[in-house]
Amino acid sequence: MKKILLSTVAALMLFSCQNEQTESSDSNLNISARRACATQEVFEAQLKANPALALKMNEIEAFTAKHSLSNFTGRLVNGKIQIPVVVNVLYRTAAQNISNAQIQSQIDILNKDFNALNSDYNSVPALFSGVKANIGITFVLDQVIRKSTTKTSWGTNDAMKKTAQGGLAPTSPTTKLNIWTCNIGNGILGYAQFPGGSSTTDGVVIDPRYFGLSGAANAPFNLGRTATHEVGHWMNLRHIWGDATCGSDLVADTPTHNEENYGVPAYPHYSTCSGNPVEMTMNYMDYVDDNAMYMFTLGQKNRISAIFTANGARASFAQ
């Protein structure tokens, strides 16, 4: 009887421990150890909901192929395109209500990464040194809007951008970059809307745990590069592997990648695609850890600059 009782107690203790472990892991369920960006999935859902978007995107691609920064005639600030940023903070917990200091740290990172002022810029391997680029776009914090919510996670259906669903509508989306910080869920670090989509949902969404340098930011995504990656999408850059095995990111000077890379890949990392090129794993549009991404290319710069030229998809930002 004593043995049975002891066995029962042991079983209950084991069950209790398992429950505690489950609860503990559940509390961190959405903390990602691998980069996960939902931009392509959101884009495909938008195409399915609005077939006319495909035509608009084809027009943008045709325009992009013919234009570069040399055609730019819009407003410059100190010789650079300057983008006002509105940060919309949707929070349920104190940690999600990120500080102004954390928000400013993210703006500072964007300014460094898009102007080749990041401290790791000179780490670009010699093989790629001839194509590394200073994008030449600056960002200035325009406004921070905060809203308390009871929502535990927001998903990727743009609910955070709609007041009717408890979110915050974008502020002047044709002249200001809107960034929402909220718990997205499902391990998603962030996502963005490509140029050409509806202005009512235009902008970038980032989980506060991967935003900026301080407060709630979590390693290995605590250097603000999630925003750099997502703003790259907002400026019409695709994932470097083209979201397909040996796919195309529509940029001529980036090597063909087998697929996304994670963590901190050893250099050189060779592709098995045609020609076996060395993959540009340190490009901001791959999926590596924050401390392993630190460059854009000249081809990506030309692709970005096209959307800000006269009649470009984001020409209103340069008026």
Protein backbone atom coordinates (compact mmCIF):
# COMPACT_ATOMS: atom_id res chain seq x y z
CA MET A 1 0.00 0.00 0.00
CA LYS A 2 2.86 2.33 0.94
CA LYS A 3 4.58 1.61 -2.39
CA ILE A 4 1.37 2.39 -4.28
CA LEU A 5 0.93 5.63 -2.32
CA LEU A 6 4.52 6.68 -2.99
CA SER A 7 4.13 5.86 -6.68
CA THR A 8 0.94 7.90 -6.84
CA VAL A 9 2.62 10.86 -5.12
CA ALA A 10 5.61 10.59 -7.46
CA ALA A 11 3.31 10.51 -10.48
CA LEU A 12 1.41 13.56 -9.23
CA MET A 13 4.68 15.40 -8.62
CA LEU A 14 5.88 14.53 -12.14
CA PHE A 15 2.56 15.70 -13.61
CA SER A 16 2.82 18.91 -11.59
CA CYS A 17 6.36 19.51 -12.85
CA GLN A 18 5.29 18.84 -16.42
CA ASN A 19 2.42 21.31 -16.02
CA GLU A 20 4.80 23.92 -14.63
CA GLN A 21 7.18 23.35 -17.53
CA THR A 22 4.32 23.61 -20.01
CA GLU A 23 3.05 26.81 -18.43
CA SER A 24 6.56 28.21 -18.41
CA SER A 25 7.10 27.33 -22.06
CA ASP A 26 3.64 28.64 -22.95
CA SER A 27 4.57 32.03 -21.50
CA ASN A 28 7.47 32.15 -23.95
CA LEU A 29 5.67 30.37 -26.77
CA ASN A 30 5.96 33.24 -29.19
CA ILE A 31 9.60 34.11 -28.51
CA SER A 32 11.37 33.12 -31.69
CA ALA A 33 14.81 31.50 -31.92
CA ARG A 34 14.71 31.76 -35.74
CA ARG A 35 13.76 34.76 -37.83
CA ALA A 36 10.22 34.55 -39.18
CA CYS A 37 8.88 37.29 -41.45
CA ALA A 38 5.30 37.07 -42.74
CA THR A 39 5.61 39.68 -45.50
CA GLN A 40 5.37 37.23 -48.40
CA GLU A 41 2.46 35.33 -46.85
CA VAL A 42 0.58 38.59 -46.23
CA PHE A 43 1.31 39.70 -49.80
CA GLU A 44 -0.03 36.44 -51.23
CA ALA A 45 -3.19 36.79 -49.12
CA GLN A 46 -3.64 40.34 -50.45
CA LEU A 47 -3.24 39.11 -54.03
CA LYS A 48 -5.88 36.46 -53.43
CA ALA A 49 -8.29 39.00 -51.94
CA ASN A 50 -7.62 41.60 -54.63
CA PRO A 51 -6.58 40.18 -58.04
CA ALA A 52 -6.16 43.74 -59.37
CA LEU A 53 -3.14 44.11 -57.07
CA ALA A 54 -1.15 41.79 -59.34
CA LEU A 55 -1.53 44.24 -62.23
CA LYS A 56 -0.43 47.12 -59.98
CA MET A 57 2.64 45.19 -58.85
CA ASN A 58 3.54 44.37 -62.47
CA GLU A 59 3.34 48.08 -63.29
CA ILE A 60 5.63 48.87 -60.36
CA GLU A 61 8.11 46.25 -61.56
CA ALA A 62 8.12 47.68 -65.09
CA PHE A 63 8.66 51.17 -63.68
CA THR A 64 11.43 49.94 -61.38
CA ALA A 65 13.30 48.41 -64.30
CA LYS A 66 13.56 51.83 -65.96
CA HIS A 67 14.31 54.18 -63.08
CA SER A 68 17.06 54.81 -60.57
CA LEU A 69 18.10 57.48 -58.07
CA SER A 70 19.68 59.46 -60.89
CA ASN A 71 16.12 60.31 -61.98
CA PHE A 72 15.12 61.56 -58.55
CA THR A 73 13.73 65.10 -58.58
CA GLY A 74 11.78 65.27 -55.31
CA ARG A 75 12.47 66.85 -51.93
CA LEU A 76 15.81 66.04 -50.30
CA VAL A 77 16.97 66.87 -46.76
CA ASN A 78 20.74 67.31 -46.56
CA GLY A 79 20.96 65.47 -49.86
CA LYS A 80 18.93 62.49 -48.68
CA ILE A 81 15.34 61.33 -48.82
CA GLN A 82 13.92 61.85 -45.30
CA ILE A 83 11.00 59.76 -44.06
CA PRO A 84 8.84 60.76 -41.06
CA VAL A 85 7.96 57.76 -38.89
CA VAL A 86 4.84 57.24 -36.79
CA VAL A 87 5.14 54.46 -34.20
CA ASN A 88 1.85 52.94 -33.07
CA VAL A 89 2.26 51.07 -29.78
CA LEU A 90 -0.45 48.53 -28.96
CA TYR A 91 0.17 47.04 -25.54
CA ARG A 92 -1.42 44.65 -23.08
CA THR A 93 1.53 44.43 -20.68
CA ALA A 94 4.05 46.94 -19.37
CA ALA A 95 6.81 45.26 -21.40
CA GLN A 96 4.81 45.74 -24.60
CA ASN A 97 4.38 49.44 -23.81
CA ILE A 98 7.90 50.11 -25.02
CA SER A 99 9.67 53.28 -23.92
CA ASN A 100 10.39 56.34 -26.01
CA ALA A 101 14.08 55.51 -25.56
CA GLN A 102 13.59 52.08 -27.12
CA ILE A 103 11.63 53.63 -29.98
CA GLN A 104 14.33 56.24 -30.62
CA SER A 105 16.99 53.52 -30.56
CA GLN A 106 15.17 51.85 -33.44
CA ILE A 107 15.07 55.08 -35.45
CA ASP A 108 18.81 55.48 -34.82
CA ILE A 109 19.46 51.93 -36.08
CA LEU A 110 17.47 52.55 -39.25
CA ASN A 111 19.52 55.69 -39.89
CA LYS A 112 22.76 53.79 -39.44
CA ASP A 113 21.78 50.77 -41.52
CA PHE A 114 20.34 52.77 -44.42
CA ASN A 115 23.34 55.12 -44.49
CA ALA A 116 26.18 52.59 -44.17
CA LEU A 117 27.00 53.95 -40.70
CA ASN A 118 26.50 50.64 -38.91
CA SER A 119 29.64 49.54 -37.08
CA ASP A 120 29.71 46.18 -38.90
CA TYR A 121 29.48 47.68 -42.41
CA ASN A 122 33.21 47.20 -42.89
CA SER A 123 32.78 43.49 -42.13
CA VAL A 124 31.39 42.97 -45.64
CA PRO A 125 33.65 40.36 -47.31
CA ALA A 126 35.97 41.51 -50.09
CA LEU A 127 33.95 39.45 -52.58
CA PHE A 128 30.97 41.77 -52.06
CA SER A 129 32.77 45.05 -51.28
CA GLY A 130 32.25 46.33 -54.82
CA VAL A 131 28.46 46.14 -54.56
CA LYS A 132 27.84 47.18 -50.94
CA ALA A 133 25.72 50.32 -50.80
CA ASN A 134 24.79 53.38 -48.81
CA ILE A 135 21.05 53.65 -49.48
CA GLY A 136 21.04 57.32 -48.46
CA ILE A 137 17.63 57.50 -46.80
CA THR A 138 17.10 59.00 -43.34
CA PHE A 139 14.30 58.58 -40.81
CA VAL A 140 12.93 60.99 -38.24
CA LEU A 141 10.50 60.12 -35.45
CA ASP A 142 7.35 62.10 -36.12
CA GLN A 143 4.92 60.79 -33.51
CA VAL A 144 4.32 57.98 -30.99
CA ILE A 145 0.71 56.86 -30.49
CA ARG A 146 -0.11 54.46 -27.66
CA LYS A 147 -3.18 52.33 -27.03
CA SER A 148 -3.91 49.85 -24.26
CA THR A 149 -5.59 46.64 -25.39
CA THR A 150 -6.79 43.33 -23.94
CA LYS A 151 -5.75 41.46 -27.09
CA THR A 152 -3.13 38.78 -26.40
CA SER A 153 -1.95 38.48 -30.03
CA TRP A 154 -2.81 40.17 -33.30
CA GLY A 155 -1.87 37.77 -36.08
CA THR A 156 -1.07 38.88 -39.62
CA ASN A 157 -4.47 39.93 -40.97
CA ASP A 158 -3.76 43.65 -40.32
CA ALA A 159 -6.18 43.88 -37.38
CA MET A 160 -3.68 46.14 -35.55
CA LYS A 161 -4.19 48.72 -38.32
CA LYS A 162 -7.97 48.90 -37.98
CA THR A 163 -9.77 50.83 -35.26
CA ALA A 164 -12.87 48.66 -35.68
CA GLN A 165 -10.78 45.67 -34.63
CA GLY A 166 -9.16 47.40 -31.68
CA GLY A 167 -6.09 48.67 -33.48
CA LEU A 168 -4.83 52.05 -34.65
CA ALA A 169 -5.42 53.33 -38.17
CA PRO A 170 -2.31 54.59 -39.98
CA THR A 171 -1.50 58.28 -39.75
CA SER A 172 -0.98 60.02 -43.13
CA PRO A 173 0.27 56.78 -44.76
CA THR A 174 1.06 58.46 -48.09
CA THR A 175 3.61 60.78 -46.47
CA LYS A 176 4.62 58.95 -43.27
CA LEU A 177 5.93 55.47 -42.57
CA ASN A 178 3.70 53.84 -39.96
CA ILE A 179 5.20 51.17 -37.74
CA TRP A 180 3.01 49.15 -35.37
CA THR A 181 4.54 47.36 -32.38
CA CYS A 182 2.37 44.62 -30.94
CA ASN A 183 2.49 40.95 -30.06
CA ILE A 184 1.97 39.34 -33.47
CA GLY A 185 2.08 35.74 -32.26
CA ASN A 186 3.10 32.42 -33.84
CA GLY A 187 6.79 33.29 -33.62
CA ILE A 188 6.47 36.07 -36.22
CA LEU A 189 9.01 38.86 -35.69
CA GLY A 190 7.44 41.24 -38.17
CA TYR A 191 5.96 41.86 -41.60
CA ALA A 192 5.54 44.72 -44.04
CA GLN A 193 3.37 45.80 -46.95
CA PHE A 194 5.05 46.18 -50.33
CA PRO A 195 4.47 49.38 -52.33
CA GLY A 196 1.25 49.19 -54.31
CA GLY A 197 -1.07 47.93 -51.57
CA SER A 198 -3.90 49.81 -49.90
CA SER A 199 -2.94 52.95 -47.98
CA THR A 200 -5.32 51.88 -45.19
CA THR A 201 -2.98 49.01 -44.28
CA ASP A 202 0.34 50.44 -45.42
CA GLY A 203 3.34 50.17 -43.13
CA VAL A 204 5.39 47.78 -41.03
CA VAL A 205 4.47 45.61 -38.03
CA ILE A 206 7.10 44.46 -35.50
CA ASP A 207 6.82 42.53 -32.25
CA PRO A 208 8.10 44.76 -29.39
CA ARG A 209 10.51 42.00 -28.31
CA TYR A 210 12.50 42.57 -31.49
CA PHE A 211 12.23 46.35 -31.71
CA GLY A 212 15.23 48.60 -31.02
CA LEU A 213 18.02 48.04 -28.53
CA SER A 214 16.55 48.29 -25.06
CA GLY A 215 13.66 47.28 -22.86
CA ALA A 216 11.82 44.26 -24.23
CA ALA A 217 14.23 43.49 -27.10
CA ASN A 218 15.26 39.81 -27.13
CA ALA A 219 18.45 38.20 -28.47
CA PRO A 220 19.38 37.06 -31.07
CA PHE A 221 17.10 39.71 -32.58
CA ASN A 222 17.96 42.58 -30.24
CA LEU A 223 19.97 44.85 -32.57
CA GLY A 224 17.02 46.41 -34.40
CA ARG A 225 17.63 44.58 -37.69
CA THR A 226 14.06 43.22 -37.83
CA ALA A 227 12.92 46.76 -38.62
CA THR A 228 15.73 47.19 -41.16
CA HIS A 229 14.58 43.98 -42.89
CA GLU A 230 10.88 44.94 -42.82
CA VAL A 231 11.45 48.53 -43.95
CA GLY A 232 13.45 47.00 -46.81
CA HIS A 233 10.26 45.16 -47.82
CA TRP A 234 8.26 48.38 -47.45
CA MET A 235 10.76 49.89 -49.93
CA ASN A 236 10.10 47.05 -52.39
CA LEU A 237 12.95 44.66 -51.56
CA ARG A 238 12.19 40.94 -51.66
CA HIS A 239 13.76 38.17 -49.62
CA ILE A 240 17.18 37.46 -51.06
CA TRP A 241 16.28 33.86 -51.97
CA GLY A 242 13.17 35.04 -53.85
CA ASP A 243 10.85 32.98 -51.61
CA ALA A 244 11.56 29.91 -53.73
CA THR A 245 14.39 27.42 -54.10
CA CYS A 246 17.01 29.23 -56.21
CA GLY A 247 14.41 31.97 -56.76
CA SER A 248 14.97 35.58 -57.83
CA ASP A 249 14.84 38.67 -55.61
CA LEU A 250 14.71 40.78 -58.80
CA VAL A 251 18.13 42.30 -58.03
CA ALA A 252 21.05 41.60 -60.38
CA ASP A 253 23.97 41.93 -57.96
CA THR A 254 22.77 39.56 -55.23
CA PRO A 255 23.83 35.90 -55.60
CA THR A 256 21.23 33.19 -56.10
CA HIS A 257 20.42 31.53 -52.79
CA ASN A 258 19.13 28.00 -52.26
CA GLU A 259 16.78 29.26 -49.59
CA GLU A 260 16.80 31.38 -46.45
CA ASN A 261 19.72 31.18 -44.01
CA TYR A 262 19.43 31.20 -40.22
CA GLY A 263 21.67 31.92 -37.27
CA VAL A 264 25.25 33.04 -38.01
CA PRO A 265 26.41 31.15 -41.12
CA ALA A 266 30.11 30.51 -41.59
CA TYR A 267 31.66 32.37 -44.54
CA PRO A 268 31.88 31.41 -47.35
CA HIS A 269 28.54 29.62 -47.63
CA TYR A 270 28.12 28.20 -51.13
CA SER A 271 24.83 27.87 -52.98
CA THR A 272 24.06 24.67 -54.87
CA CYS A 273 22.14 26.75 -57.43
CA SER A 274 23.56 27.30 -60.92
CA GLY A 275 27.19 28.40 -60.75
CA ASN A 276 27.50 27.56 -57.04
CA PRO A 277 27.87 31.20 -55.98
CA VAL A 278 28.86 32.28 -52.48
CA GLU A 279 25.63 33.34 -50.80
CA MET A 280 25.34 36.89 -49.46
CA THR A 281 24.13 35.73 -46.06
CA MET A 282 25.02 39.07 -44.48
CA ASN A 283 22.41 40.89 -46.59
CA TYR A 284 19.60 42.50 -44.59
CA MET A 285 17.04 40.60 -46.66
CA ASP A 286 18.15 37.12 -45.54
CA TYR A 287 16.89 35.46 -42.32
CA VAL A 288 20.12 35.40 -40.30
CA ASP A 289 20.48 36.71 -36.74
CA ASP A 290 20.72 40.46 -36.18
CA ASN A 291 24.48 40.37 -35.62
CA ALA A 292 25.01 38.50 -38.90
CA MET A 293 23.26 40.94 -41.30
CA TYR A 294 24.88 44.25 -42.21
CA MET A 295 24.63 45.23 -45.89
CA PHE A 296 22.47 46.29 -48.80
CA THR A 297 23.69 46.24 -52.43
CA LEU A 298 23.81 48.82 -55.20
CA GLY A 299 21.14 46.87 -57.05
CA GLN A 300 18.89 47.01 -53.99
CA LYS A 301 19.58 50.75 -53.74
CA ASN A 302 18.44 51.27 -57.33
CA ARG A 303 15.34 49.20 -56.69
CA ILE A 304 14.52 51.27 -53.60
CA SER A 305 15.22 54.60 -55.25
CA ALA A 306 12.82 53.87 -58.10
CA ILE A 307 9.78 53.97 -55.82
CA PHE A 308 10.63 57.53 -54.70
CA THR A 309 11.11 58.98 -58.19
CA ALA A 310 8.39 61.01 -59.91
CA ASN A 311 5.42 58.71 -60.55
CA GLY A 312 7.01 56.02 -58.39
CA ALA A 313 4.93 53.99 -55.95
CA ARG A 314 6.08 56.11 -52.99
CA ALA A 315 6.74 59.39 -54.79
CA SER A 316 4.45 61.17 -52.29
CA PHE A 317 7.16 60.75 -49.65
CA ALA A 318 9.49 62.94 -51.66
CA GLN A 319 7.12 65.84 -52.35
